[in-house]
């Protein structure tokens, strides 16, 4: 019977734990520094917060534009002040020193 050398015995005994440590290290590395890891998640959260702020600004502008469109809707009767403002702007008869005084509608 052939006797195994101490080195091959050591490699056989340590092979499975070494492979397990390598696998654990691989998954731990990817959990922290991988494309879906903790570091990437922080960056994604920062980008999400930035995009949400941009969205809020755009949503506010959209609401303002929708209000202007609603004021010009012919089905509900166009707002005379808005029509006057747009006509004066298109005809280039608006001066920078003009003051608009709204009239009470009763």
N, C-alpha and C. Protein backbone atom coordinates (compact mmCIF):
# COMPACT_ATOMS: atom_id res chain seq x y z
N UNK A 1 0.82 -1.16 0.00
CA UNK A 1 0.00 0.00 0.00
C UNK A 1 0.88 1.24 0.00
N UNK A 2 0.52 2.14 -0.83
CA UNK A 2 1.30 3.35 -0.99
C UNK A 2 0.81 4.38 0.01
N UNK A 3 1.74 5.00 0.64
CA UNK A 3 1.39 5.99 1.64
C UNK A 3 1.40 7.37 0.99
N UNK A 4 0.37 8.20 1.27
CA UNK A 4 0.26 9.53 0.68
C UNK A 4 1.23 10.48 1.37
N UNK A 5 1.74 11.38 0.59
CA UNK A 5 2.68 12.34 1.16
C UNK A 5 1.90 13.34 2.04
N UNK A 6 2.59 13.95 3.00
CA UNK A 6 1.90 14.90 3.89
C UNK A 6 1.33 16.10 3.12
N UNK A 7 2.00 16.48 2.04
CA UNK A 7 1.52 17.63 1.25
C UNK A 7 0.19 17.32 0.56
N UNK A 8 0.06 16.15 -0.04
CA UNK A 8 -1.19 15.79 -0.71
C UNK A 8 -2.31 15.60 0.31
N UNK A 9 -1.99 15.08 1.48
CA UNK A 9 -2.99 14.95 2.54
C UNK A 9 -3.48 16.32 2.98
N UNK A 10 -2.55 17.27 3.13
CA UNK A 10 -2.90 18.62 3.53
C UNK A 10 -3.78 19.30 2.47
N UNK A 11 -3.44 19.11 1.20
CA UNK A 11 -4.23 19.69 0.12
C UNK A 11 -5.63 19.09 0.07
N UNK A 12 -5.73 17.78 0.31
CA UNK A 12 -7.03 17.14 0.31
C UNK A 12 -7.90 17.62 1.47
N UNK A 13 -7.28 17.80 2.63
CA UNK A 13 -8.04 18.25 3.80
C UNK A 13 -8.42 19.73 3.69
N UNK A 14 -7.57 20.54 3.10
CA UNK A 14 -7.82 21.98 3.04
C UNK A 14 -8.53 22.40 1.76
N UNK A 15 -8.69 21.51 0.81
CA UNK A 15 -9.29 21.86 -0.48
C UNK A 15 -10.72 22.34 -0.37
N UNK A 16 -11.56 21.60 0.32
CA UNK A 16 -12.97 21.97 0.45
C UNK A 16 -13.14 23.27 1.24
N UNK A 17 -12.49 23.43 2.39
CA UNK A 17 -12.61 24.73 3.08
C UNK A 17 -12.06 25.90 2.26
N UNK A 18 -10.99 25.68 1.52
CA UNK A 18 -10.43 26.75 0.70
C UNK A 18 -11.41 27.13 -0.42
N UNK A 19 -12.03 26.15 -1.04
CA UNK A 19 -13.01 26.43 -2.08
C UNK A 19 -14.21 27.18 -1.49
N UNK A 20 -14.63 26.79 -0.29
CA UNK A 20 -15.74 27.48 0.37
C UNK A 20 -15.36 28.92 0.68
N UNK A 21 -14.15 29.16 1.16
CA UNK A 21 -13.70 30.53 1.45
C UNK A 21 -13.62 31.37 0.18
N UNK A 22 -13.17 30.77 -0.90
CA UNK A 22 -13.11 31.49 -2.17
C UNK A 22 -14.52 31.87 -2.63
N UNK A 23 -15.46 30.94 -2.52
CA UNK A 23 -16.85 31.22 -2.92
C UNK A 23 -17.46 32.30 -2.03
N UNK A 24 -17.23 32.21 -0.72
CA UNK A 24 -17.75 33.22 0.20
C UNK A 24 -17.13 34.58 -0.10
N UNK A 25 -15.85 34.62 -0.37
CA UNK A 25 -15.17 35.87 -0.72
C UNK A 25 -15.72 36.48 -1.99
N UNK A 26 -15.97 35.64 -2.98
CA UNK A 26 -16.53 36.12 -4.25
C UNK A 26 -17.89 36.78 -4.04
N UNK A 27 -18.76 36.08 -3.30
CA UNK A 27 -20.10 36.62 -3.08
C UNK A 27 -20.07 37.85 -2.17
N UNK A 28 -19.18 37.87 -1.19
CA UNK A 28 -19.06 39.04 -0.31
C UNK A 28 -18.56 40.25 -1.11
N UNK A 29 -17.60 40.04 -1.98
CA UNK A 29 -17.09 41.13 -2.82
C UNK A 29 -18.21 41.70 -3.69
N UNK A 30 -18.96 40.81 -4.33
CA UNK A 30 -20.06 41.27 -5.18
C UNK A 30 -21.18 41.94 -4.39
N UNK A 31 -21.39 41.50 -3.14
CA UNK A 31 -22.43 42.11 -2.32
C UNK A 31 -22.05 43.55 -1.94
N UNK A 32 -20.77 43.82 -1.82
CA UNK A 32 -20.33 45.16 -1.42
C UNK A 32 -19.97 46.02 -2.62
N UNK A 33 -19.15 45.51 -3.51
CA UNK A 33 -18.61 46.31 -4.60
C UNK A 33 -19.12 45.93 -5.99
N UNK A 34 -20.00 44.99 -6.08
CA UNK A 34 -20.50 44.55 -7.38
C UNK A 34 -21.47 45.54 -7.99
N UNK A 35 -21.97 45.23 -9.19
CA UNK A 35 -22.88 46.15 -9.89
C UNK A 35 -24.21 46.36 -9.15
N UNK A 36 -24.61 45.44 -8.32
CA UNK A 36 -25.84 45.59 -7.53
C UNK A 36 -25.53 45.61 -6.03
N UNK A 37 -24.30 45.96 -5.68
CA UNK A 37 -23.87 45.92 -4.29
C UNK A 37 -24.26 47.15 -3.50
N UNK A 38 -23.75 47.22 -2.29
CA UNK A 38 -24.08 48.30 -1.36
C UNK A 38 -23.60 49.65 -1.90
N UNK A 39 -22.39 49.69 -2.43
CA UNK A 39 -21.85 50.94 -2.95
C UNK A 39 -22.69 51.42 -4.15
N UNK A 40 -23.05 50.52 -5.02
CA UNK A 40 -23.87 50.88 -6.17
C UNK A 40 -25.27 51.30 -5.73
N UNK A 41 -25.79 50.69 -4.68
CA UNK A 41 -27.12 51.06 -4.19
C UNK A 41 -27.13 52.49 -3.68
N UNK A 42 -26.06 52.92 -3.02
CA UNK A 42 -25.97 54.31 -2.56
C UNK A 42 -26.01 55.27 -3.74
N UNK A 43 -25.27 54.94 -4.78
CA UNK A 43 -25.24 55.79 -5.97
C UNK A 43 -26.62 55.83 -6.64
N UNK A 44 -27.29 54.70 -6.69
CA UNK A 44 -28.62 54.65 -7.28
C UNK A 44 -29.59 55.51 -6.48
N UNK A 45 -29.50 55.47 -5.14
CA UNK A 45 -30.36 56.30 -4.30
C UNK A 45 -30.11 57.78 -4.54
N UNK A 46 -28.84 58.16 -4.70
CA UNK A 46 -28.51 59.56 -4.97
C UNK A 46 -29.08 60.00 -6.33
N UNK A 47 -28.92 59.15 -7.33
CA UNK A 47 -29.46 59.47 -8.65
C UNK A 47 -30.98 59.55 -8.61
N UNK A 48 -31.61 58.68 -7.84
CA UNK A 48 -33.06 58.70 -7.71
C UNK A 48 -33.53 60.01 -7.08
N UNK A 49 -32.83 60.45 -6.04
CA UNK A 49 -33.21 61.71 -5.39
C UNK A 49 -33.06 62.88 -6.36
N UNK A 50 -31.98 62.88 -7.15
CA UNK A 50 -31.78 63.94 -8.14
C UNK A 50 -32.88 63.92 -9.18
N UNK A 51 -33.22 62.76 -9.68
CA UNK A 51 -34.27 62.65 -10.70
C UNK A 51 -35.63 63.04 -10.13
N UNK A 52 -35.88 62.73 -8.86
CA UNK A 52 -37.15 63.12 -8.26
C UNK A 52 -37.26 64.63 -8.14
N UNK A 53 -36.14 65.31 -7.81
CA UNK A 53 -36.16 66.77 -7.76
C UNK A 53 -36.41 67.34 -9.14
N UNK A 54 -35.74 66.79 -10.16
CA UNK A 54 -35.96 67.25 -11.54
C UNK A 54 -37.41 67.01 -11.96
N UNK A 55 -37.96 65.88 -11.58
CA UNK A 55 -39.34 65.56 -11.91
C UNK A 55 -40.30 66.55 -11.25
N UNK A 56 -40.03 66.92 -10.00
CA UNK A 56 -40.90 67.87 -9.30
C UNK A 56 -40.90 69.22 -10.02
N UNK A 57 -39.72 69.66 -10.47
CA UNK A 57 -39.64 70.93 -11.20
C UNK A 57 -40.42 70.84 -12.51
N UNK A 58 -40.24 69.74 -13.24
CA UNK A 58 -40.95 69.56 -14.50
C UNK A 58 -42.46 69.44 -14.28
N UNK A 59 -42.86 68.78 -13.22
CA UNK A 59 -44.28 68.63 -12.93
C UNK A 59 -44.91 69.99 -12.61
N UNK A 60 -44.17 70.84 -11.90
CA UNK A 60 -44.67 72.18 -11.59
C UNK A 60 -44.83 72.99 -12.88
N UNK A 61 -43.83 72.90 -13.76
CA UNK A 61 -43.91 73.62 -15.03
C UNK A 61 -45.07 73.09 -15.87
N UNK A 62 -45.26 71.78 -15.85
CA UNK A 62 -46.35 71.17 -16.60
C UNK A 62 -47.70 71.67 -16.09
N UNK A 63 -47.83 71.79 -14.76
CA UNK A 63 -49.08 72.29 -14.18
C UNK A 63 -49.34 73.73 -14.60
N UNK A 64 -48.28 74.54 -14.64
CA UNK A 64 -48.44 75.92 -15.09
C UNK A 64 -48.88 75.98 -16.55
N UNK A 65 -48.26 75.18 -17.40
CA UNK A 65 -48.64 75.15 -18.81
C UNK A 65 -50.07 74.64 -19.00
N UNK A 66 -50.44 73.63 -18.21
CA UNK A 66 -51.81 73.10 -18.30
C UNK A 66 -52.81 74.17 -17.90
N UNK A 67 -52.48 74.97 -16.90
CA UNK A 67 -53.36 76.05 -16.48
C UNK A 67 -53.54 77.07 -17.61
N UNK A 68 -52.45 77.41 -18.28
CA UNK A 68 -52.54 78.36 -19.39
C UNK A 68 -53.38 77.79 -20.53
N UNK A 69 -53.21 76.51 -20.81
CA UNK A 69 -54.00 75.88 -21.87
C UNK A 69 -55.47 75.85 -21.48
N UNK A 70 -55.75 75.54 -20.21
CA UNK A 70 -57.15 75.52 -19.76
C UNK A 70 -57.79 76.91 -19.85
N UNK A 71 -56.97 77.96 -19.61
CA UNK A 71 -57.52 79.32 -19.72
C UNK A 71 -57.85 79.68 -21.17
N UNK A 72 -57.22 79.02 -22.12
CA UNK A 72 -57.48 79.31 -23.54
C UNK A 72 -58.44 78.31 -24.18
N UNK A 73 -58.98 77.40 -23.41
CA UNK A 73 -59.86 76.37 -23.95
C UNK A 73 -61.15 76.99 -24.48
N UNK A 74 -61.42 76.85 -25.77
CA UNK A 74 -62.62 77.47 -26.33
C UNK A 74 -63.92 76.81 -25.86
N UNK A 75 -63.88 75.59 -25.41
CA UNK A 75 -65.09 74.91 -24.95
C UNK A 75 -65.65 75.56 -23.68
N UNK A 76 -64.75 76.03 -22.82
CA UNK A 76 -65.18 76.63 -21.56
C UNK A 76 -65.16 78.16 -21.63
N UNK A 77 -64.88 78.68 -22.77
CA UNK A 77 -64.80 80.13 -22.91
C UNK A 77 -63.41 80.61 -22.54
N UNK A 78 -62.69 81.11 -23.49
CA UNK A 78 -61.32 81.55 -23.25
C UNK A 78 -61.31 82.75 -22.31
N UNK A 79 -60.31 82.78 -21.43
CA UNK A 79 -60.15 83.88 -20.49
C UNK A 79 -59.77 85.14 -21.27
N UNK A 80 -60.53 86.20 -21.17
CA UNK A 80 -60.23 87.40 -21.97
C UNK A 80 -58.88 88.01 -21.64
N UNK A 81 -58.46 87.95 -20.39
CA UNK A 81 -57.16 88.51 -20.04
C UNK A 81 -56.02 87.73 -20.71
N UNK A 82 -56.15 86.41 -20.73
CA UNK A 82 -55.11 85.60 -21.36
C UNK A 82 -55.08 85.84 -22.86
N UNK A 83 -56.25 85.94 -23.47
CA UNK A 83 -56.33 86.19 -24.90
C UNK A 83 -55.72 87.55 -25.22
N UNK A 84 -56.04 88.56 -24.40
CA UNK A 84 -55.49 89.90 -24.60
C UNK A 84 -53.97 89.88 -24.46
N UNK A 85 -53.49 89.18 -23.46
CA UNK A 85 -52.03 89.09 -23.24
C UNK A 85 -51.33 88.46 -24.43
N UNK A 86 -51.86 87.35 -24.91
CA UNK A 86 -51.23 86.68 -26.05
C UNK A 86 -51.33 87.51 -27.33
N UNK A 87 -52.47 88.17 -27.54
CA UNK A 87 -52.63 88.98 -28.75
C UNK A 87 -51.65 90.16 -28.74
N UNK A 88 -51.53 90.81 -27.59
CA UNK A 88 -50.60 91.94 -27.50
C UNK A 88 -49.15 91.48 -27.69
N UNK A 89 -48.84 90.31 -27.17
CA UNK A 89 -47.48 89.79 -27.33
C UNK A 89 -47.20 89.44 -28.79
N UNK A 90 -48.16 88.82 -29.46
CA UNK A 90 -48.00 88.45 -30.87
C UNK A 90 -47.92 89.68 -31.77
N UNK A 91 -48.69 90.71 -31.45
CA UNK A 91 -48.71 91.92 -32.26
C UNK A 91 -47.59 92.90 -31.89
N UNK A 92 -46.83 92.53 -30.88
CA UNK A 92 -45.68 93.32 -30.44
C UNK A 92 -46.10 94.73 -30.00
N UNK A 93 -47.16 94.80 -29.20
CA UNK A 93 -47.60 96.09 -28.67
C UNK A 93 -47.49 96.12 -27.14
N UNK A 94 -46.68 95.25 -26.58
CA UNK A 94 -46.47 95.20 -25.15
C UNK A 94 -45.24 96.01 -24.81
N UNK A 95 -45.37 96.85 -23.79
CA UNK A 95 -44.22 97.62 -23.33
C UNK A 95 -43.79 97.09 -21.97
N UNK A 96 -42.49 97.18 -21.65
CA UNK A 96 -42.01 96.63 -20.37
C UNK A 96 -42.53 97.39 -19.16
N UNK A 97 -42.94 98.64 -19.32
CA UNK A 97 -43.39 99.42 -18.16
C UNK A 97 -44.89 99.34 -17.92
N UNK A 98 -45.59 98.45 -18.61
CA UNK A 98 -47.02 98.32 -18.44
C UNK A 98 -47.36 97.64 -17.12
N UNK A 99 -48.44 98.10 -16.51
CA UNK A 99 -48.95 97.49 -15.29
C UNK A 99 -50.37 97.01 -15.58
N UNK A 100 -50.64 95.77 -15.22
CA UNK A 100 -51.95 95.20 -15.48
C UNK A 100 -52.76 95.27 -14.20
N UNK A 101 -53.94 95.86 -14.30
CA UNK A 101 -54.83 95.98 -13.14
C UNK A 101 -56.04 95.10 -13.43
N UNK A 102 -56.20 94.01 -12.67
CA UNK A 102 -57.35 93.14 -12.94
C UNK A 102 -58.64 93.81 -12.48
N UNK A 103 -59.70 93.60 -13.26
CA UNK A 103 -61.02 94.12 -12.92
C UNK A 103 -61.80 93.04 -12.20
N UNK A 104 -62.60 93.47 -11.23
CA UNK A 104 -63.44 92.50 -10.52
C UNK A 104 -64.59 92.08 -11.42
N UNK A 105 -64.78 90.78 -11.52
CA UNK A 105 -65.89 90.25 -12.30
C UNK A 105 -67.02 89.91 -11.34
N UNK A 106 -68.17 90.48 -11.58
CA UNK A 106 -69.30 90.22 -10.68
C UNK A 106 -70.39 89.49 -11.39
